């Protein structure tokens, strides 16, 4: 691997933002937030008339299985922040990957030019 100073500027910037985000110790979750509307089954409840109970869930994988984890209203902001942090990390990794691929293609083209007689 080449020294950081030789990396493309876009790659260095993305790495820097990624390290800042991770060093802050923010929690992150590779998950999606899902609003689910359900009927409880009680005869006299409002949901029996069509006004369903809406609750928030984290949809994620635990091991190989897909899980829906209930998010209590008190933890909704924390759950949203964890999902947003993970999305930012993924976006930065994608940015770094693209910058590295672009640099690789340029290096490959230069090498091909050097080999031509």
N, C-alpha and C. Protein backbone atom coordinates (compact mmCIF):
# COMPACT_ATOMS: atom_id res chain seq x y z
N UNK A 1 0.84 -1.18 0.00
CA UNK A 1 0.00 0.00 0.00
C UNK A 1 0.88 1.24 0.00
N UNK A 2 0.46 2.23 -0.73
CA UNK A 2 1.25 3.45 -0.83
C UNK A 2 1.00 4.35 0.38
N UNK A 3 1.95 5.24 0.68
CA UNK A 3 1.76 6.18 1.80
C UNK A 3 0.53 7.05 1.58
N UNK A 4 -0.08 7.48 2.67
CA UNK A 4 -1.30 8.29 2.57
C UNK A 4 -1.11 9.54 1.74
N UNK A 5 0.06 10.12 1.80
CA UNK A 5 0.32 11.37 1.06
C UNK A 5 0.21 11.16 -0.45
N UNK A 6 0.39 9.93 -0.90
CA UNK A 6 0.32 9.65 -2.33
C UNK A 6 -1.09 9.27 -2.79
N UNK A 7 -2.02 9.16 -1.87
CA UNK A 7 -3.39 8.82 -2.22
C UNK A 7 -4.06 10.03 -2.88
N UNK A 8 -5.04 9.79 -3.72
CA UNK A 8 -5.80 10.90 -4.32
C UNK A 8 -6.45 11.74 -3.22
N UNK A 9 -6.61 13.03 -3.50
CA UNK A 9 -7.17 13.96 -2.50
C UNK A 9 -8.56 13.51 -2.04
N UNK A 10 -9.40 13.04 -2.98
CA UNK A 10 -10.75 12.60 -2.62
C UNK A 10 -10.68 11.43 -1.63
N UNK A 11 -9.74 10.53 -1.87
CA UNK A 11 -9.58 9.37 -0.99
C UNK A 11 -9.10 9.80 0.39
N UNK A 12 -8.14 10.71 0.43
CA UNK A 12 -7.62 11.20 1.73
C UNK A 12 -8.73 11.90 2.52
N UNK A 13 -9.53 12.72 1.84
CA UNK A 13 -10.61 13.44 2.53
C UNK A 13 -11.65 12.47 3.08
N UNK A 14 -12.02 11.47 2.28
CA UNK A 14 -13.01 10.50 2.73
C UNK A 14 -12.46 9.70 3.91
N UNK A 15 -11.19 9.29 3.84
CA UNK A 15 -10.56 8.56 4.95
C UNK A 15 -10.57 9.40 6.22
N UNK A 16 -10.26 10.67 6.06
CA UNK A 16 -10.21 11.57 7.22
C UNK A 16 -11.59 11.68 7.87
N UNK A 17 -12.63 11.89 7.05
CA UNK A 17 -13.99 12.00 7.59
C UNK A 17 -14.43 10.69 8.24
N UNK A 18 -14.05 9.57 7.63
CA UNK A 18 -14.40 8.27 8.18
C UNK A 18 -13.73 8.06 9.54
N UNK A 19 -12.45 8.36 9.63
CA UNK A 19 -11.74 8.20 10.90
C UNK A 19 -12.29 9.13 11.97
N UNK A 20 -12.68 10.35 11.59
CA UNK A 20 -13.28 11.27 12.56
C UNK A 20 -14.58 10.69 13.10
N UNK A 21 -15.40 10.18 12.19
CA UNK A 21 -16.69 9.63 12.59
C UNK A 21 -16.50 8.42 13.52
N UNK A 22 -15.56 7.55 13.17
CA UNK A 22 -15.33 6.36 13.99
C UNK A 22 -14.65 6.68 15.31
N UNK A 23 -13.75 7.67 15.32
CA UNK A 23 -13.03 8.00 16.55
C UNK A 23 -13.93 8.70 17.57
N UNK A 24 -15.04 9.26 17.12
CA UNK A 24 -15.97 9.90 18.05
C UNK A 24 -16.72 8.86 18.88
N UNK A 25 -16.58 7.60 18.51
CA UNK A 25 -17.21 6.53 19.27
C UNK A 25 -18.72 6.47 19.11
N UNK A 26 -19.21 6.99 18.01
CA UNK A 26 -20.66 6.96 17.79
C UNK A 26 -21.13 5.55 17.50
N UNK A 27 -22.28 5.21 18.03
CA UNK A 27 -22.87 3.90 17.76
C UNK A 27 -23.40 3.90 16.34
N UNK A 28 -23.31 2.76 15.69
CA UNK A 28 -23.89 2.65 14.36
C UNK A 28 -24.52 1.29 14.18
N UNK A 29 -25.53 1.23 13.32
CA UNK A 29 -26.25 -0.02 13.08
C UNK A 29 -26.56 -0.13 11.61
N UNK A 30 -26.12 -1.22 11.00
CA UNK A 30 -26.49 -1.50 9.61
C UNK A 30 -27.90 -2.06 9.64
N UNK A 31 -28.86 -1.18 9.54
CA UNK A 31 -30.26 -1.55 9.68
C UNK A 31 -31.12 -0.52 8.95
N UNK A 32 -32.38 -0.83 8.85
CA UNK A 32 -33.35 0.11 8.31
C UNK A 32 -34.43 0.32 9.36
N UNK A 33 -35.01 1.50 9.35
CA UNK A 33 -36.12 1.78 10.25
C UNK A 33 -37.42 1.52 9.51
N UNK A 34 -38.34 0.83 10.17
CA UNK A 34 -39.60 0.45 9.55
C UNK A 34 -40.74 0.82 10.49
N UNK A 35 -41.72 1.55 9.95
CA UNK A 35 -42.95 1.81 10.70
C UNK A 35 -43.91 0.67 10.39
N UNK A 36 -44.39 0.02 11.43
CA UNK A 36 -45.33 -1.07 11.24
C UNK A 36 -46.65 -0.73 11.91
N UNK A 37 -47.74 -0.98 11.20
CA UNK A 37 -49.07 -0.76 11.73
C UNK A 37 -49.70 -2.12 12.01
N UNK A 38 -50.16 -2.31 13.23
CA UNK A 38 -50.69 -3.62 13.63
C UNK A 38 -52.03 -3.49 14.34
N UNK A 39 -52.70 -4.62 14.37
CA UNK A 39 -53.97 -4.74 15.09
C UNK A 39 -53.70 -5.60 16.32
N UNK A 40 -54.15 -5.14 17.47
CA UNK A 40 -53.88 -5.90 18.71
C UNK A 40 -54.85 -7.04 18.92
N UNK A 41 -56.06 -6.95 18.40
CA UNK A 41 -57.03 -8.04 18.53
C UNK A 41 -58.08 -7.82 19.60
N UNK A 42 -57.96 -6.76 20.39
CA UNK A 42 -58.98 -6.49 21.41
C UNK A 42 -60.24 -5.96 20.72
N UNK A 43 -61.39 -6.44 21.15
CA UNK A 43 -62.66 -6.08 20.50
C UNK A 43 -62.99 -4.59 20.58
N UNK A 44 -62.74 -3.96 21.72
CA UNK A 44 -63.13 -2.57 21.92
C UNK A 44 -62.01 -1.57 21.62
N UNK A 45 -60.92 -2.03 21.06
CA UNK A 45 -59.78 -1.14 20.78
C UNK A 45 -60.03 -0.35 19.50
N UNK A 46 -59.39 0.78 19.39
CA UNK A 46 -59.52 1.63 18.20
C UNK A 46 -59.02 0.93 16.94
N UNK A 47 -58.11 -0.01 17.10
CA UNK A 47 -57.57 -0.70 15.93
C UNK A 47 -58.60 -1.63 15.30
N UNK A 48 -59.62 -2.02 16.06
CA UNK A 48 -60.68 -2.86 15.50
C UNK A 48 -61.49 -2.08 14.48
N UNK A 49 -61.47 -0.75 14.57
CA UNK A 49 -62.19 0.11 13.62
C UNK A 49 -61.28 0.63 12.52
N UNK A 50 -60.08 0.08 12.41
CA UNK A 50 -59.19 0.46 11.31
C UNK A 50 -58.05 1.39 11.68
N UNK A 51 -58.07 1.97 12.88
CA UNK A 51 -57.00 2.86 13.31
C UNK A 51 -55.93 2.04 14.02
N UNK A 52 -54.98 1.54 13.23
CA UNK A 52 -54.00 0.58 13.73
C UNK A 52 -52.96 1.23 14.64
N UNK A 53 -52.30 0.38 15.46
CA UNK A 53 -51.22 0.82 16.33
C UNK A 53 -49.94 0.88 15.49
N UNK A 54 -49.29 2.03 15.48
CA UNK A 54 -48.07 2.20 14.70
C UNK A 54 -46.87 2.20 15.65
N UNK A 55 -45.87 1.40 15.30
CA UNK A 55 -44.66 1.36 16.11
C UNK A 55 -43.45 1.26 15.19
N UNK A 56 -42.30 1.62 15.73
CA UNK A 56 -41.06 1.67 14.97
C UNK A 56 -40.23 0.43 15.26
N UNK A 57 -39.61 -0.13 14.20
CA UNK A 57 -38.76 -1.30 14.33
C UNK A 57 -37.46 -1.07 13.57
N UNK A 58 -36.40 -1.69 14.06
CA UNK A 58 -35.14 -1.77 13.33
C UNK A 58 -35.15 -3.10 12.60
N UNK A 59 -34.98 -3.06 11.30
CA UNK A 59 -34.88 -4.28 10.52
C UNK A 59 -33.40 -4.51 10.25
N UNK A 60 -32.87 -5.63 10.73
CA UNK A 60 -31.45 -5.90 10.61
C UNK A 60 -31.19 -7.39 10.56
N UNK A 61 -29.95 -7.74 10.39
CA UNK A 61 -29.55 -9.14 10.44
C UNK A 61 -28.77 -9.37 11.74
N UNK A 62 -29.15 -10.41 12.42
CA UNK A 62 -28.39 -10.89 13.58
C UNK A 62 -27.92 -12.28 13.19
N UNK A 63 -26.64 -12.36 12.88
CA UNK A 63 -26.13 -13.61 12.32
C UNK A 63 -26.64 -13.75 10.90
N UNK A 64 -27.25 -14.89 10.61
CA UNK A 64 -27.78 -15.13 9.27
C UNK A 64 -29.27 -14.85 9.17
N UNK A 65 -29.88 -14.47 10.26
CA UNK A 65 -31.33 -14.29 10.28
C UNK A 65 -31.72 -12.82 10.28
N UNK A 66 -32.78 -12.50 9.56
CA UNK A 66 -33.35 -11.16 9.55
C UNK A 66 -34.18 -11.00 10.81
N UNK A 67 -34.01 -9.89 11.51
CA UNK A 67 -34.74 -9.63 12.75
C UNK A 67 -35.39 -8.26 12.69
N UNK A 68 -36.53 -8.17 13.34
CA UNK A 68 -37.21 -6.90 13.53
C UNK A 68 -37.15 -6.60 15.02
N UNK A 69 -36.44 -5.55 15.37
CA UNK A 69 -36.27 -5.18 16.78
C UNK A 69 -37.15 -3.97 17.10
N UNK A 70 -38.03 -4.12 18.06
CA UNK A 70 -38.90 -3.02 18.46
C UNK A 70 -38.08 -1.88 19.03
N UNK A 71 -38.44 -0.65 18.64
CA UNK A 71 -37.76 0.54 19.15
C UNK A 71 -38.77 1.31 20.01
N UNK A 72 -38.55 1.35 21.32
CA UNK A 72 -39.45 2.13 22.17
C UNK A 72 -39.35 3.62 21.82
N UNK A 73 -40.43 4.37 22.01
CA UNK A 73 -40.43 5.80 21.65
C UNK A 73 -39.27 6.58 22.29
N UNK A 74 -38.84 6.21 23.50
CA UNK A 74 -37.75 6.91 24.18
C UNK A 74 -36.41 6.71 23.46
N UNK A 75 -36.28 5.64 22.70
CA UNK A 75 -35.01 5.33 22.03
C UNK A 75 -35.06 5.61 20.53
N UNK A 76 -36.13 6.22 20.06
CA UNK A 76 -36.29 6.47 18.63
C UNK A 76 -35.17 7.36 18.08
N UNK A 77 -34.84 8.43 18.76
CA UNK A 77 -33.79 9.34 18.29
C UNK A 77 -32.44 8.61 18.23
N UNK A 78 -32.14 7.79 19.22
CA UNK A 78 -30.88 7.04 19.24
C UNK A 78 -30.84 6.04 18.09
N UNK A 79 -31.95 5.37 17.83
CA UNK A 79 -32.01 4.40 16.74
C UNK A 79 -31.81 5.09 15.39
N UNK A 80 -32.47 6.23 15.21
CA UNK A 80 -32.32 6.98 13.96
C UNK A 80 -30.87 7.43 13.77
N UNK A 81 -30.22 7.86 14.84
CA UNK A 81 -28.83 8.31 14.75
C UNK A 81 -27.89 7.15 14.42
N UNK A 82 -28.14 5.98 15.01
CA UNK A 82 -27.30 4.81 14.72
C UNK A 82 -27.39 4.43 13.24
N UNK A 83 -28.60 4.45 12.70
CA UNK A 83 -28.79 4.10 11.29
C UNK A 83 -28.13 5.16 10.40
N UNK A 84 -28.29 6.42 10.75
CA UNK A 84 -27.68 7.50 9.96
C UNK A 84 -26.15 7.41 10.01
N UNK A 85 -25.59 7.12 11.16
CA UNK A 85 -24.12 6.97 11.28
C UNK A 85 -23.62 5.84 10.37
N UNK A 86 -24.34 4.72 10.37
CA UNK A 86 -23.93 3.60 9.51
C UNK A 86 -24.02 3.98 8.04
N UNK A 87 -25.03 4.73 7.67
CA UNK A 87 -25.17 5.15 6.27
C UNK A 87 -24.05 6.10 5.87
N UNK A 88 -23.66 6.96 6.79
CA UNK A 88 -22.54 7.86 6.49
C UNK A 88 -21.24 7.08 6.31
N UNK A 89 -21.02 6.08 7.15
CA UNK A 89 -19.83 5.24 7.03
C UNK A 89 -19.85 4.52 5.68
N UNK A 90 -20.98 3.95 5.31
CA UNK A 90 -21.09 3.25 4.02
C UNK A 90 -20.84 4.20 2.85
N UNK A 91 -21.36 5.42 2.93
CA UNK A 91 -21.16 6.39 1.86
C UNK A 91 -19.68 6.76 1.75
N UNK A 92 -19.01 6.94 2.87
CA UNK A 92 -17.59 7.27 2.86
C UNK A 92 -16.76 6.10 2.32
N UNK A 93 -17.12 4.88 2.68
CA UNK A 93 -16.41 3.72 2.14
C UNK A 93 -16.60 3.62 0.63
N UNK A 94 -17.80 3.91 0.16
CA UNK A 94 -18.06 3.90 -1.28
C UNK A 94 -17.23 4.97 -1.98
N UNK A 95 -17.16 6.16 -1.38
CA UNK A 95 -16.36 7.25 -1.94
C UNK A 95 -14.88 6.85 -2.02
N UNK A 96 -14.38 6.21 -0.96
CA UNK A 96 -12.99 5.77 -0.94
C UNK A 96 -12.75 4.69 -2.00
N UNK A 97 -13.70 3.80 -2.14
CA UNK A 97 -13.58 2.73 -3.12
C UNK A 97 -13.52 3.30 -4.53
N UNK A 98 -14.38 4.25 -4.82
CA UNK A 98 -14.40 4.86 -6.16
C UNK A 98 -13.09 5.60 -6.44
N UNK A 99 -12.59 6.32 -5.46
CA UNK A 99 -11.32 7.04 -5.65
C UNK A 99 -10.18 6.06 -5.89
N UNK A 100 -10.17 4.96 -5.16
CA UNK A 100 -9.11 3.95 -5.34
C UNK A 100 -9.22 3.29 -6.71
N UNK A 101 -10.43 3.01 -7.14
CA UNK A 101 -10.62 2.39 -8.46
C UNK A 101 -10.20 3.34 -9.58
N UNK A 102 -10.53 4.63 -9.43
CA UNK A 102 -10.11 5.61 -10.43
C UNK A 102 -8.59 5.69 -10.52
N UNK A 103 -7.93 5.68 -9.36
CA UNK A 103 -6.47 5.73 -9.33
C UNK A 103 -5.88 4.47 -9.96
N UNK A 104 -6.51 3.33 -9.71
CA UNK A 104 -6.05 2.07 -10.30
C UNK A 104 -6.16 2.10 -11.82
N UNK A 105 -7.27 2.59 -12.33
CA UNK A 105 -7.47 2.67 -13.78
C UNK A 105 -6.43 3.60 -14.39
N UNK A 106 -6.15 4.73 -13.75
CA UNK A 106 -5.13 5.66 -14.26
C UNK A 106 -3.75 4.99 -14.26
N UNK A 107 -3.42 4.29 -13.19
CA UNK A 107 -2.14 3.60 -13.09
C UNK A 107 -2.01 2.53 -14.18
N UNK A 108 -3.09 1.82 -14.41
CA UNK A 108 -3.11 0.78 -15.43
C UNK A 108 -2.90 1.39 -16.82
N UNK A 109 -3.54 2.52 -17.09
CA UNK A 109 -3.39 3.19 -18.38
C UNK A 109 -1.96 3.69 -18.57
N UNK A 110 -1.36 4.26 -17.51
CA UNK A 110 0.04 4.72 -17.60
C UNK A 110 0.97 3.55 -17.89
N UNK A 111 0.73 2.47 -17.22
CA UNK A 111 1.58 1.27 -17.41
C UNK A 111 1.45 0.74 -18.84
N UNK A 112 0.23 0.75 -19.36
CA UNK A 112 0.03 0.29 -20.74
C UNK A 112 0.76 1.19 -21.73
N UNK A 113 0.74 2.51 -21.47
CA UNK A 113 1.45 3.45 -22.36
C UNK A 113 2.95 3.22 -22.31
N UNK A 114 3.47 2.93 -21.11
CA UNK A 114 4.93 2.69 -20.96
C UNK A 114 5.35 1.42 -21.69
N UNK A 115 4.49 0.45 -21.79
CA UNK A 115 4.83 -0.81 -22.46
C UNK A 115 4.79 -0.73 -23.97
N UNK A 116 4.04 0.24 -24.49
CA UNK A 116 3.96 0.37 -25.95
C UNK A 116 5.29 0.84 -26.52
N UNK A 117 5.70 0.24 -27.66
CA UNK A 117 6.98 0.66 -28.26
C UNK A 117 6.90 1.99 -28.94
